Amino acid sequence: MSNPTPIRVFSIDDHPLMREGIAAIIRNEPDMLLVAEASNGREAIQGFREHRPDITLMDLRLPDISGIDAMVAIRTEFPDARIILLTTFEGDVEIRRALQAGAVGYMLKTMPRRQLVDMIRKVHAGKKHIPPEIAAHLAEHMAEESLSKREVDVLQKIAGGNRNSDIAALLFISEETVKGHVKHIMEKLGAGDRTEAVAIGIRRGIIHL
């Protein structure tokens, strides 16, 4: 017997194939109903206002604004919105930002479909849900000192192929100051050189290319 009041799901992803896959999964569940789809952050905010879904599945990477920014906008207007972030990405900094911004679930796109529908049901029942592998990934970096905003700026500029002199000019600081920031970045990330620091920064979601 199907549930008389199905869980109303809103799916946001800029990849049509991903949206089709999610739609097929939801359609297979008798207690769920896909009420709308969106392909970018602005459509997501508008669509949420229109449909007031029970659960929103939000891609972290959207073409206009990030999934986290779209989620913050929705939750500012609708504080009770239950949003699960879906991503291919498992950088601990990004996950922490998402959870601090109010995500109630975090799901990797590589996870089996069973886990997705289980998560939707758990979140709908009022629980937060972070898969164990993501929780372990978060715990691994918990005690580490995070980069300051200025250090993140410097690392982003290093990733852009800039030398210390270029970074100094771009950020209006002295080359000595840049060298100090680079030293701290290496220490905090446990990197052996600039290339490794950039690779770690990208993997952990501290910077984006």
N, C-alpha and C. Protein backbone atom coordinates (compact mmCIF):
# COMPACT_ATOMS: atom_id res chain seq x y z
N MET A 1 0.85 -1.20 0.00
CA MET A 1 0.00 0.00 0.00
C MET A 1 0.89 1.24 0.00
N SER A 2 0.58 2.20 -0.84
CA SER A 2 1.44 3.37 -0.90
C SER A 2 1.05 4.37 0.18
N ASN A 3 2.02 5.14 0.59
CA ASN A 3 1.82 6.14 1.62
C ASN A 3 0.87 7.23 1.10
N PRO A 4 -0.19 7.58 1.85
CA PRO A 4 -1.12 8.60 1.34
C PRO A 4 -0.47 9.98 1.20
N THR A 5 0.55 10.27 2.04
CA THR A 5 1.25 11.56 1.88
C THR A 5 2.72 11.29 1.60
N PRO A 6 3.07 11.16 0.33
CA PRO A 6 4.47 10.84 0.00
C PRO A 6 5.43 11.97 0.38
N ILE A 7 6.70 11.60 0.51
CA ILE A 7 7.76 12.58 0.77
C ILE A 7 7.98 13.34 -0.54
N ARG A 8 7.80 14.66 -0.50
CA ARG A 8 7.91 15.47 -1.71
C ARG A 8 9.37 15.91 -1.89
N VAL A 9 9.96 15.49 -3.00
CA VAL A 9 11.40 15.70 -3.22
C VAL A 9 11.63 16.69 -4.37
N PHE A 10 12.60 17.58 -4.17
CA PHE A 10 13.01 18.57 -5.18
C PHE A 10 14.47 18.26 -5.53
N SER A 11 14.76 18.07 -6.81
CA SER A 11 16.11 17.68 -7.24
C SER A 11 16.79 18.81 -8.01
N ILE A 12 18.00 19.17 -7.57
CA ILE A 12 18.75 20.26 -8.24
C ILE A 12 20.11 19.75 -8.66
N ASP A 13 20.34 19.73 -9.98
CA ASP A 13 21.63 19.29 -10.52
C ASP A 13 21.75 19.86 -11.93
N ASP A 14 22.95 20.30 -12.31
CA ASP A 14 23.08 20.87 -13.65
C ASP A 14 23.33 19.81 -14.72
N HIS A 15 23.48 18.53 -14.30
CA HIS A 15 23.68 17.48 -15.30
C HIS A 15 22.37 16.74 -15.57
N PRO A 16 21.83 16.83 -16.79
CA PRO A 16 20.56 16.17 -17.09
C PRO A 16 20.56 14.68 -16.76
N LEU A 17 21.69 13.99 -17.02
CA LEU A 17 21.74 12.55 -16.73
C LEU A 17 21.60 12.26 -15.25
N MET A 18 22.21 13.10 -14.45
CA MET A 18 22.11 12.93 -12.99
C MET A 18 20.67 13.15 -12.55
N ARG A 19 20.03 14.20 -13.08
CA ARG A 19 18.63 14.47 -12.72
C ARG A 19 17.73 13.31 -13.14
N GLU A 20 17.99 12.77 -14.34
CA GLU A 20 17.18 11.63 -14.81
C GLU A 20 17.36 10.42 -13.89
N GLY A 21 18.59 10.19 -13.47
CA GLY A 21 18.88 9.07 -12.56
C GLY A 21 18.15 9.22 -11.24
N ILE A 22 18.20 10.43 -10.68
CA ILE A 22 17.51 10.69 -9.40
C ILE A 22 16.01 10.53 -9.59
N ALA A 23 15.48 11.07 -10.70
CA ALA A 23 14.04 10.97 -10.97
C ALA A 23 13.61 9.50 -11.02
N ALA A 24 14.42 8.67 -11.67
CA ALA A 24 14.09 7.24 -11.79
C ALA A 24 14.10 6.57 -10.41
N ILE A 25 15.07 6.93 -9.58
CA ILE A 25 15.16 6.35 -8.23
C ILE A 25 13.92 6.74 -7.41
N ILE A 26 13.56 8.03 -7.45
CA ILE A 26 12.42 8.52 -6.66
C ILE A 26 11.11 7.87 -7.14
N ARG A 27 10.97 7.75 -8.46
CA ARG A 27 9.74 7.15 -9.02
C ARG A 27 9.56 5.71 -8.58
N ASN A 28 10.65 5.04 -8.31
CA ASN A 28 10.59 3.63 -7.89
C ASN A 28 10.17 3.45 -6.44
N GLU A 29 10.14 4.55 -5.69
CA GLU A 29 9.81 4.45 -4.26
C GLU A 29 8.35 4.86 -4.04
N PRO A 30 7.52 3.95 -3.54
CA PRO A 30 6.09 4.26 -3.38
C PRO A 30 5.80 5.40 -2.41
N ASP A 31 6.75 5.66 -1.48
CA ASP A 31 6.49 6.71 -0.48
C ASP A 31 7.14 8.05 -0.85
N MET A 32 7.56 8.19 -2.12
CA MET A 32 8.22 9.45 -2.54
C MET A 32 7.62 9.99 -3.83
N LEU A 33 7.71 11.31 -3.96
CA LEU A 33 7.19 11.97 -5.16
C LEU A 33 8.16 13.09 -5.55
N LEU A 34 8.60 13.07 -6.81
CA LEU A 34 9.47 14.14 -7.30
C LEU A 34 8.58 15.31 -7.72
N VAL A 35 8.67 16.44 -7.00
CA VAL A 35 7.75 17.56 -7.30
C VAL A 35 8.34 18.56 -8.29
N ALA A 36 9.67 18.63 -8.37
CA ALA A 36 10.28 19.60 -9.29
C ALA A 36 11.75 19.30 -9.46
N GLU A 37 12.33 19.89 -10.54
CA GLU A 37 13.77 19.79 -10.81
C GLU A 37 14.29 21.18 -11.16
N ALA A 38 15.57 21.40 -10.91
CA ALA A 38 16.20 22.67 -11.29
C ALA A 38 17.63 22.38 -11.71
N SER A 39 18.19 23.27 -12.55
CA SER A 39 19.54 23.02 -13.06
C SER A 39 20.56 24.06 -12.59
N ASN A 40 20.11 25.06 -11.81
CA ASN A 40 21.08 26.01 -11.25
C ASN A 40 20.54 26.58 -9.92
N GLY A 41 21.37 27.37 -9.27
CA GLY A 41 21.03 27.88 -7.94
C GLY A 41 19.84 28.81 -7.93
N ARG A 42 19.75 29.68 -8.93
CA ARG A 42 18.63 30.64 -8.95
C ARG A 42 17.29 29.93 -9.15
N GLU A 43 17.30 28.93 -10.06
CA GLU A 43 16.09 28.10 -10.26
C GLU A 43 15.75 27.35 -8.97
N ALA A 44 16.79 26.95 -8.25
CA ALA A 44 16.59 26.21 -7.00
C ALA A 44 15.83 27.06 -5.99
N ILE A 45 16.26 28.32 -5.84
CA ILE A 45 15.63 29.22 -4.86
C ILE A 45 14.18 29.48 -5.26
N GLN A 46 13.98 29.77 -6.55
CA GLN A 46 12.63 30.03 -7.08
C GLN A 46 11.75 28.78 -6.94
N GLY A 47 12.30 27.64 -7.32
CA GLY A 47 11.55 26.38 -7.27
C GLY A 47 11.15 26.02 -5.85
N PHE A 48 12.04 26.31 -4.89
CA PHE A 48 11.71 25.99 -3.50
C PHE A 48 10.51 26.83 -3.04
N ARG A 49 10.55 28.12 -3.39
CA ARG A 49 9.43 29.00 -3.02
C ARG A 49 8.10 28.47 -3.57
N GLU A 50 8.16 28.02 -4.82
CA GLU A 50 6.93 27.55 -5.49
C GLU A 50 6.41 26.25 -4.91
N HIS A 51 7.31 25.29 -4.68
CA HIS A 51 6.87 23.92 -4.37
C HIS A 51 6.94 23.54 -2.90
N ARG A 52 7.73 24.27 -2.10
CA ARG A 52 7.89 23.95 -0.67
C ARG A 52 8.06 22.45 -0.44
N PRO A 53 9.12 21.85 -1.02
CA PRO A 53 9.30 20.40 -0.89
C PRO A 53 9.64 19.99 0.55
N ASP A 54 9.46 18.70 0.83
CA ASP A 54 9.86 18.16 2.14
C ASP A 54 11.37 18.02 2.20
N ILE A 55 11.94 17.52 1.10
CA ILE A 55 13.38 17.25 1.03
C ILE A 55 13.93 17.83 -0.27
N THR A 56 15.06 18.51 -0.18
CA THR A 56 15.72 19.05 -1.37
C THR A 56 17.08 18.37 -1.53
N LEU A 57 17.32 17.85 -2.73
CA LEU A 57 18.63 17.26 -3.06
C LEU A 57 19.38 18.30 -3.89
N MET A 58 20.45 18.82 -3.34
CA MET A 58 21.14 19.95 -3.97
C MET A 58 22.57 19.57 -4.37
N ASP A 59 22.88 19.75 -5.64
CA ASP A 59 24.26 19.53 -6.09
C ASP A 59 25.14 20.64 -5.51
N LEU A 60 26.34 20.28 -5.10
CA LEU A 60 27.24 21.28 -4.51
C LEU A 60 27.78 22.25 -5.57
N ARG A 61 28.04 21.71 -6.77
CA ARG A 61 28.61 22.53 -7.84
C ARG A 61 27.53 22.88 -8.85
N LEU A 62 27.13 24.15 -8.86
CA LEU A 62 26.11 24.61 -9.81
C LEU A 62 26.73 25.69 -10.69
N PRO A 63 26.20 25.90 -11.90
CA PRO A 63 26.87 26.81 -12.83
C PRO A 63 26.82 28.29 -12.44
N ASP A 64 25.84 28.72 -11.64
CA ASP A 64 25.76 30.15 -11.32
C ASP A 64 26.27 30.47 -9.91
N ILE A 65 25.61 29.92 -8.90
CA ILE A 65 26.10 30.11 -7.53
C ILE A 65 26.31 28.71 -6.94
N SER A 66 27.10 28.61 -5.88
CA SER A 66 27.37 27.26 -5.34
C SER A 66 26.12 26.73 -4.65
N GLY A 67 26.07 25.40 -4.52
CA GLY A 67 24.96 24.77 -3.81
C GLY A 67 24.85 25.27 -2.38
N ILE A 68 26.01 25.56 -1.75
CA ILE A 68 25.99 26.06 -0.37
C ILE A 68 25.33 27.44 -0.33
N ASP A 69 25.68 28.32 -1.29
CA ASP A 69 25.08 29.66 -1.32
C ASP A 69 23.58 29.59 -1.59
N ALA A 70 23.18 28.69 -2.50
CA ALA A 70 21.75 28.51 -2.79
C ALA A 70 21.02 28.01 -1.54
N MET A 71 21.67 27.09 -0.82
CA MET A 71 21.07 26.55 0.40
C MET A 71 20.92 27.63 1.47
N VAL A 72 21.94 28.47 1.62
CA VAL A 72 21.88 29.57 2.60
C VAL A 72 20.71 30.50 2.26
N ALA A 73 20.56 30.81 0.97
CA ALA A 73 19.47 31.70 0.53
C ALA A 73 18.11 31.08 0.85
N ILE A 74 17.97 29.79 0.56
CA ILE A 74 16.69 29.10 0.83
C ILE A 74 16.42 29.07 2.33
N ARG A 75 17.44 28.73 3.12
CA ARG A 75 17.23 28.57 4.57
C ARG A 75 17.05 29.91 5.29
N THR A 76 17.50 30.99 4.67
CA THR A 76 17.27 32.32 5.24
C THR A 76 15.77 32.62 5.17
N GLU A 77 15.18 32.23 4.03
CA GLU A 77 13.75 32.46 3.81
C GLU A 77 12.88 31.38 4.47
N PHE A 78 13.39 30.14 4.42
CA PHE A 78 12.64 28.99 4.97
C PHE A 78 13.56 28.21 5.92
N PRO A 79 13.63 28.64 7.19
CA PRO A 79 14.59 28.02 8.12
C PRO A 79 14.39 26.52 8.33
N ASP A 80 13.18 26.02 8.05
CA ASP A 80 12.92 24.59 8.26
C ASP A 80 13.27 23.73 7.04
N ALA A 81 13.78 24.35 5.98
CA ALA A 81 14.11 23.59 4.76
C ALA A 81 15.10 22.47 5.08
N ARG A 82 14.79 21.26 4.59
CA ARG A 82 15.69 20.12 4.82
C ARG A 82 16.43 19.83 3.52
N ILE A 83 17.71 20.14 3.53
CA ILE A 83 18.50 20.06 2.30
C ILE A 83 19.64 19.06 2.45
N ILE A 84 19.69 18.12 1.49
CA ILE A 84 20.78 17.15 1.43
C ILE A 84 21.69 17.57 0.28
N LEU A 85 22.97 17.72 0.55
CA LEU A 85 23.90 18.08 -0.53
C LEU A 85 24.43 16.83 -1.20
N LEU A 86 24.38 16.83 -2.52
CA LEU A 86 24.87 15.71 -3.33
C LEU A 86 26.11 16.18 -4.07
N THR A 87 27.17 15.40 -4.04
CA THR A 87 28.38 15.87 -4.70
C THR A 87 29.29 14.71 -5.11
N THR A 88 30.21 15.04 -6.01
CA THR A 88 31.24 14.06 -6.39
C THR A 88 32.45 14.30 -5.52
N PHE A 89 32.37 15.29 -4.65
CA PHE A 89 33.50 15.88 -3.99
C PHE A 89 33.49 15.59 -2.51
N GLU A 90 34.64 15.20 -1.94
CA GLU A 90 34.64 14.89 -0.50
C GLU A 90 35.66 15.70 0.28
N GLY A 91 35.90 16.94 -0.12
CA GLY A 91 36.83 17.79 0.62
C GLY A 91 36.25 18.14 1.98
N ASP A 92 37.06 17.93 3.04
CA ASP A 92 36.51 18.11 4.39
C ASP A 92 36.12 19.55 4.66
N VAL A 93 36.82 20.53 4.07
CA VAL A 93 36.52 21.94 4.33
C VAL A 93 35.15 22.28 3.77
N GLU A 94 34.88 21.76 2.57
CA GLU A 94 33.60 21.98 1.90
C GLU A 94 32.45 21.32 2.69
N ILE A 95 32.68 20.10 3.16
CA ILE A 95 31.65 19.39 3.93
C ILE A 95 31.33 20.17 5.20
N ARG A 96 32.40 20.64 5.88
CA ARG A 96 32.19 21.38 7.12
C ARG A 96 31.39 22.66 6.86
N ARG A 97 31.73 23.36 5.79
CA ARG A 97 30.99 24.58 5.42
C ARG A 97 29.52 24.28 5.19
N ALA A 98 29.27 23.17 4.47
CA ALA A 98 27.89 22.79 4.15
C ALA A 98 27.10 22.51 5.42
N LEU A 99 27.71 21.78 6.35
CA LEU A 99 27.01 21.42 7.59
C LEU A 99 26.80 22.65 8.48
N GLN A 100 27.80 23.54 8.50
CA GLN A 100 27.65 24.77 9.29
C GLN A 100 26.53 25.65 8.70
N ALA A 101 26.37 25.56 7.38
CA ALA A 101 25.35 26.38 6.71
C ALA A 101 23.95 25.76 6.84
N GLY A 102 23.89 24.55 7.44
CA GLY A 102 22.57 23.98 7.72
C GLY A 102 22.16 22.77 6.90
N ALA A 103 23.09 22.17 6.15
CA ALA A 103 22.74 20.93 5.43
C ALA A 103 22.40 19.85 6.45
N VAL A 104 21.37 19.06 6.16
CA VAL A 104 21.01 17.99 7.11
C VAL A 104 21.52 16.63 6.63
N GLY A 105 22.10 16.61 5.44
CA GLY A 105 22.69 15.37 4.94
C GLY A 105 23.73 15.70 3.90
N TYR A 106 24.67 14.79 3.71
CA TYR A 106 25.73 14.99 2.72
C TYR A 106 25.95 13.66 2.05
N MET A 107 25.85 13.65 0.73
CA MET A 107 25.82 12.37 0.01
C MET A 107 26.76 12.42 -1.19
N LEU A 108 27.64 11.44 -1.31
CA LEU A 108 28.50 11.36 -2.49
C LEU A 108 27.73 10.69 -3.63
N LYS A 109 27.91 11.20 -4.84
CA LYS A 109 27.17 10.65 -5.99
C LYS A 109 27.59 9.22 -6.31
N THR A 110 28.70 8.79 -5.74
CA THR A 110 29.18 7.42 -6.00
C THR A 110 28.51 6.40 -5.08
N MET A 111 27.74 6.90 -4.11
CA MET A 111 27.11 5.97 -3.16
C MET A 111 25.93 5.23 -3.81
N PRO A 112 25.62 4.00 -3.34
CA PRO A 112 24.53 3.24 -3.94
C PRO A 112 23.17 3.91 -3.74
N ARG A 113 22.25 3.66 -4.68
CA ARG A 113 20.93 4.30 -4.66
C ARG A 113 20.17 4.01 -3.37
N ARG A 114 20.39 2.80 -2.82
CA ARG A 114 19.71 2.41 -1.59
C ARG A 114 20.02 3.42 -0.48
N GLN A 115 21.30 3.84 -0.44
CA GLN A 115 21.71 4.79 0.59
C GLN A 115 21.01 6.13 0.43
N LEU A 116 20.79 6.53 -0.83
CA LEU A 116 20.12 7.81 -1.09
C LEU A 116 18.69 7.78 -0.55
N VAL A 117 17.93 6.73 -0.89
CA VAL A 117 16.53 6.69 -0.44
C VAL A 117 16.45 6.53 1.09
N ASP A 118 17.40 5.78 1.66
CA ASP A 118 17.43 5.65 3.13
C ASP A 118 17.68 7.01 3.77
N MET A 119 18.61 7.77 3.16
CA MET A 119 18.93 9.09 3.70
C MET A 119 17.72 10.02 3.61
N ILE A 120 17.02 9.99 2.48
CA ILE A 120 15.82 10.84 2.32
C ILE A 120 14.82 10.53 3.44
N ARG A 121 14.60 9.25 3.70
CA ARG A 121 13.64 8.86 4.75
C ARG A 121 14.11 9.30 6.13
N LYS A 122 15.40 9.13 6.40
CA LYS A 122 15.93 9.52 7.73
C LYS A 122 15.80 11.02 7.94
N VAL A 123 16.19 11.78 6.92
CA VAL A 123 16.14 13.25 7.03
C VAL A 123 14.69 13.71 7.17
N HIS A 124 13.79 13.07 6.42
CA HIS A 124 12.36 13.42 6.51
C HIS A 124 11.83 13.13 7.91
N ALA A 125 12.39 12.11 8.56
CA ALA A 125 11.96 11.76 9.93
C ALA A 125 12.61 12.67 10.98
N GLY A 126 13.38 13.66 10.50
CA GLY A 126 13.95 14.64 11.43
C GLY A 126 15.37 14.38 11.87
N LYS A 127 16.03 13.41 11.24
CA LYS A 127 17.42 13.10 11.63
C LYS A 127 18.40 13.78 10.68
N LYS A 128 19.61 14.04 11.19
CA LYS A 128 20.72 14.48 10.31
C LYS A 128 21.41 13.22 9.84
N HIS A 129 21.98 13.24 8.66
CA HIS A 129 22.65 12.01 8.22
C HIS A 129 23.93 12.31 7.47
N ILE A 130 25.04 11.81 8.03
CA ILE A 130 26.33 11.91 7.35
C ILE A 130 26.87 10.49 7.25
N PRO A 131 27.10 9.98 6.04
CA PRO A 131 27.61 8.61 5.90
C PRO A 131 28.92 8.43 6.67
N PRO A 132 29.15 7.22 7.20
CA PRO A 132 30.34 6.98 8.03
C PRO A 132 31.66 7.35 7.35
N GLU A 133 31.77 7.09 6.03
CA GLU A 133 33.05 7.40 5.37
C GLU A 133 33.31 8.90 5.32
N ILE A 134 32.23 9.70 5.23
CA ILE A 134 32.40 11.16 5.24
C ILE A 134 32.72 11.63 6.65
N ALA A 135 32.06 11.05 7.65
CA ALA A 135 32.33 11.42 9.04
C ALA A 135 33.79 11.13 9.39
N ALA A 136 34.31 9.99 8.91
CA ALA A 136 35.71 9.63 9.18
C ALA A 136 36.65 10.63 8.52
N HIS A 137 36.29 11.05 7.31
CA HIS A 137 37.09 12.01 6.55
C HIS A 137 37.13 13.36 7.30
N LEU A 138 36.00 13.76 7.86
CA LEU A 138 35.93 15.01 8.63
C LEU A 138 36.79 14.91 9.89
N ALA A 139 36.68 13.78 10.58
CA ALA A 139 37.40 13.60 11.85
C ALA A 139 38.91 13.65 11.65
N GLU A 140 39.34 13.14 10.49
CA GLU A 140 40.77 13.07 10.18
C GLU A 140 41.45 14.44 10.25
N HIS A 141 40.73 15.49 9.84
CA HIS A 141 41.34 16.83 9.80
C HIS A 141 40.86 17.75 10.93
N MET A 142 40.07 17.17 11.85
CA MET A 142 39.41 17.99 12.88
C MET A 142 40.40 18.80 13.71
N ALA A 143 41.52 18.17 14.09
CA ALA A 143 42.46 18.83 15.01
C ALA A 143 43.41 19.80 14.29
N GLU A 144 43.41 19.76 12.96
CA GLU A 144 44.37 20.60 12.23
C GLU A 144 43.98 22.07 12.25
N GLU A 145 45.00 22.90 12.25
CA GLU A 145 44.76 24.34 12.22
C GLU A 145 44.33 24.72 10.81
N SER A 146 43.24 25.47 10.69
CA SER A 146 42.78 25.82 9.34
C SER A 146 43.52 27.05 8.81
N LEU A 147 43.52 27.21 7.50
CA LEU A 147 44.19 28.36 6.88
C LEU A 147 43.37 29.62 7.14
N SER A 148 44.07 30.73 7.34
CA SER A 148 43.36 32.01 7.48
C SER A 148 42.85 32.43 6.10
N LYS A 149 41.96 33.43 6.08
CA LYS A 149 41.40 33.89 4.80
C LYS A 149 42.53 34.36 3.87
N ARG A 150 43.50 35.07 4.44
CA ARG A 150 44.62 35.59 3.63
C ARG A 150 45.45 34.43 3.08
N GLU A 151 45.66 33.39 3.90
CA GLU A 151 46.43 32.22 3.42
C GLU A 151 45.70 31.51 2.30
N VAL A 152 44.36 31.45 2.40
CA VAL A 152 43.57 30.84 1.32
C VAL A 152 43.74 31.67 0.04
N ASP A 153 43.71 33.00 0.17
CA ASP A 153 43.92 33.89 -1.00
C ASP A 153 45.28 33.62 -1.65
N VAL A 154 46.30 33.50 -0.81
CA VAL A 154 47.66 33.26 -1.32
C VAL A 154 47.72 31.90 -2.03
N LEU A 155 47.13 30.88 -1.42
CA LEU A 155 47.15 29.54 -2.02
C LEU A 155 46.41 29.54 -3.36
N GLN A 156 45.30 30.27 -3.41
CA GLN A 156 44.53 30.36 -4.66
C GLN A 156 45.39 31.01 -5.76
N LYS A 157 46.17 32.02 -5.37
CA LYS A 157 47.04 32.72 -6.34
C LYS A 157 48.19 31.79 -6.78
N ILE A 158 48.71 30.99 -5.85
CA ILE A 158 49.77 30.02 -6.21
C ILE A 158 49.20 29.05 -7.24
N ALA A 159 47.95 28.60 -6.99
CA ALA A 159 47.29 27.65 -7.91
C ALA A 159 47.13 28.26 -9.30
N GLY A 160 47.02 29.59 -9.34
CA GLY A 160 46.89 30.29 -10.62
C GLY A 160 48.22 30.48 -11.33
N GLY A 161 49.30 29.92 -10.76
CA GLY A 161 50.61 29.97 -11.40
C GLY A 161 51.41 31.23 -11.11
N ASN A 162 51.01 31.98 -10.08
CA ASN A 162 51.71 33.24 -9.76
C ASN A 162 52.93 33.00 -8.86
N ARG A 163 53.98 33.80 -9.12
CA ARG A 163 55.16 33.77 -8.25
C ARG A 163 54.90 34.69 -7.06
N ASN A 164 55.80 34.63 -6.07
CA ASN A 164 55.63 35.47 -4.87
C ASN A 164 55.51 36.95 -5.21
N SER A 165 56.33 37.40 -6.17
CA SER A 165 56.30 38.84 -6.53
C SER A 165 54.94 39.21 -7.14
N ASP A 166 54.39 38.28 -7.96
CA ASP A 166 53.06 38.53 -8.56
C ASP A 166 52.00 38.59 -7.47
N ILE A 167 52.07 37.63 -6.53
CA ILE A 167 51.07 37.55 -5.46
C ILE A 167 51.11 38.83 -4.62
N ALA A 168 52.34 39.30 -4.32
CA ALA A 168 52.51 40.53 -3.53
C ALA A 168 51.80 41.69 -4.22
N ALA A 169 52.01 41.80 -5.54
CA ALA A 169 51.39 42.90 -6.30
C ALA A 169 49.87 42.76 -6.34
N LEU A 170 49.39 41.52 -6.54
CA LEU A 170 47.94 41.29 -6.64
C LEU A 170 47.21 41.53 -5.31
N LEU A 171 47.87 41.21 -4.21
CA LEU A 171 47.20 41.34 -2.89
C LEU A 171 47.63 42.60 -2.13
N PHE A 172 48.47 43.43 -2.77
CA PHE A 172 48.94 44.68 -2.16
C PHE A 172 49.63 44.44 -0.81
N ILE A 173 50.50 43.43 -0.80
CA ILE A 173 51.29 43.16 0.40
C ILE A 173 52.75 42.99 -0.03
N SER A 174 53.68 42.97 0.94
CA SER A 174 55.10 42.85 0.56
C SER A 174 55.43 41.40 0.22
N GLU A 175 56.53 41.24 -0.52
CA GLU A 175 56.96 39.89 -0.89
C GLU A 175 57.36 39.09 0.35
N GLU A 176 57.90 39.78 1.35
CA GLU A 176 58.27 39.13 2.63
C GLU A 176 57.03 38.52 3.28
N THR A 177 55.94 39.30 3.26
CA THR A 177 54.68 38.84 3.86
C THR A 177 54.18 37.60 3.11
N VAL A 178 54.28 37.63 1.79
CA VAL A 178 53.85 36.47 0.98
C VAL A 178 54.67 35.24 1.39
N LYS A 179 55.99 35.42 1.52
CA LYS A 179 56.86 34.29 1.91
C LYS A 179 56.42 33.71 3.25
N GLY A 180 56.06 34.58 4.19
CA GLY A 180 55.59 34.14 5.51
C GLY A 180 54.31 33.32 5.38
N HIS A 181 53.37 33.82 4.55
CA HIS A 181 52.11 33.11 4.33
C HIS A 181 52.37 31.73 3.71
N VAL A 182 53.26 31.69 2.72
CA VAL A 182 53.56 30.42 2.03
C VAL A 182 54.13 29.41 3.03
N LYS A 183 55.01 29.89 3.90
CA LYS A 183 55.61 29.02 4.93
C LYS A 183 54.51 28.43 5.83
N HIS A 184 53.59 29.28 6.29
CA HIS A 184 52.50 28.81 7.16
C HIS A 184 51.57 27.84 6.45
N ILE A 185 51.30 28.12 5.17
CA ILE A 185 50.43 27.24 4.37
C ILE A 185 51.04 25.83 4.32
N MET A 186 52.34 25.79 4.01
CA MET A 186 53.05 24.48 3.90
C MET A 186 52.97 23.72 5.23
N GLU A 187 53.21 24.46 6.32
CA GLU A 187 53.21 23.82 7.65
C GLU A 187 51.83 23.28 7.99
N LYS A 188 50.81 24.11 7.78
CA LYS A 188 49.44 23.71 8.14
C LYS A 188 48.93 22.54 7.29
N LEU A 189 49.32 22.53 6.02
CA LEU A 189 48.82 21.47 5.12
C LEU A 189 49.75 20.25 5.11
N GLY A 190 50.92 20.39 5.72
CA GLY A 190 51.89 19.29 5.71
C GLY A 190 52.39 19.03 4.30
N ALA A 191 52.60 20.11 3.53
CA ALA A 191 53.02 19.98 2.13
C ALA A 191 54.53 20.18 1.99
N GLY A 192 55.13 19.44 1.06
CA GLY A 192 56.57 19.53 0.84
C GLY A 192 56.96 20.68 -0.09
N ASP A 193 56.06 21.05 -0.99
CA ASP A 193 56.34 22.16 -1.90
C ASP A 193 55.03 22.81 -2.34
N ARG A 194 55.16 23.85 -3.18
CA ARG A 194 53.98 24.63 -3.59
C ARG A 194 52.98 23.77 -4.36
N THR A 195 53.50 22.90 -5.23
CA THR A 195 52.62 22.05 -6.05
C THR A 195 51.79 21.14 -5.16
N GLU A 196 52.46 20.56 -4.16
CA GLU A 196 51.74 19.66 -3.24
C GLU A 196 50.71 20.44 -2.42
N ALA A 197 51.07 21.65 -2.01
CA ALA A 197 50.14 22.49 -1.23
C ALA A 197 48.87 22.76 -2.05
N VAL A 198 49.05 23.06 -3.35
CA VAL A 198 47.90 23.31 -4.23
C VAL A 198 47.05 22.04 -4.36
N ALA A 199 47.71 20.90 -4.56
CA ALA A 199 46.98 19.62 -4.72
C ALA A 199 46.16 19.31 -3.47
N ILE A 200 46.75 19.51 -2.29
CA ILE A 200 46.03 19.26 -1.02
C ILE A 200 44.87 20.24 -0.89
N GLY A 201 45.14 21.51 -1.23
CA GLY A 201 44.11 22.56 -1.13
C GLY A 201 42.89 22.24 -2.00
N ILE A 202 43.15 21.72 -3.19
CA ILE A 202 42.04 21.38 -4.10
C ILE A 202 41.30 20.15 -3.58
N ARG A 203 42.06 19.14 -3.17
CA ARG A 203 41.44 17.89 -2.70
C ARG A 203 40.54 18.13 -1.48
N ARG A 204 40.99 19.03 -0.59
CA ARG A 204 40.23 19.26 0.63
C ARG A 204 39.16 20.33 0.47
N GLY A 205 39.07 20.94 -0.71
CA GLY A 205 38.02 21.93 -0.93
C GLY A 205 38.35 23.30 -0.34
N ILE A 206 39.65 23.54 -0.05
CA ILE A 206 40.05 24.84 0.49
C ILE A 206 40.06 25.88 -0.64
N ILE A 207 40.53 25.43 -1.81
CA ILE A 207 40.52 26.30 -3.00
C ILE A 207 39.90 25.54 -4.17
N HIS A 208 39.52 26.29 -5.20
CA HIS A 208 38.95 25.69 -6.41
C HIS A 208 39.68 26.22 -7.63
N LEU A 209 39.83 25.38 -8.63
CA LEU A 209 40.45 25.85 -9.88
C LEU A 209 39.39 26.39 -10.81
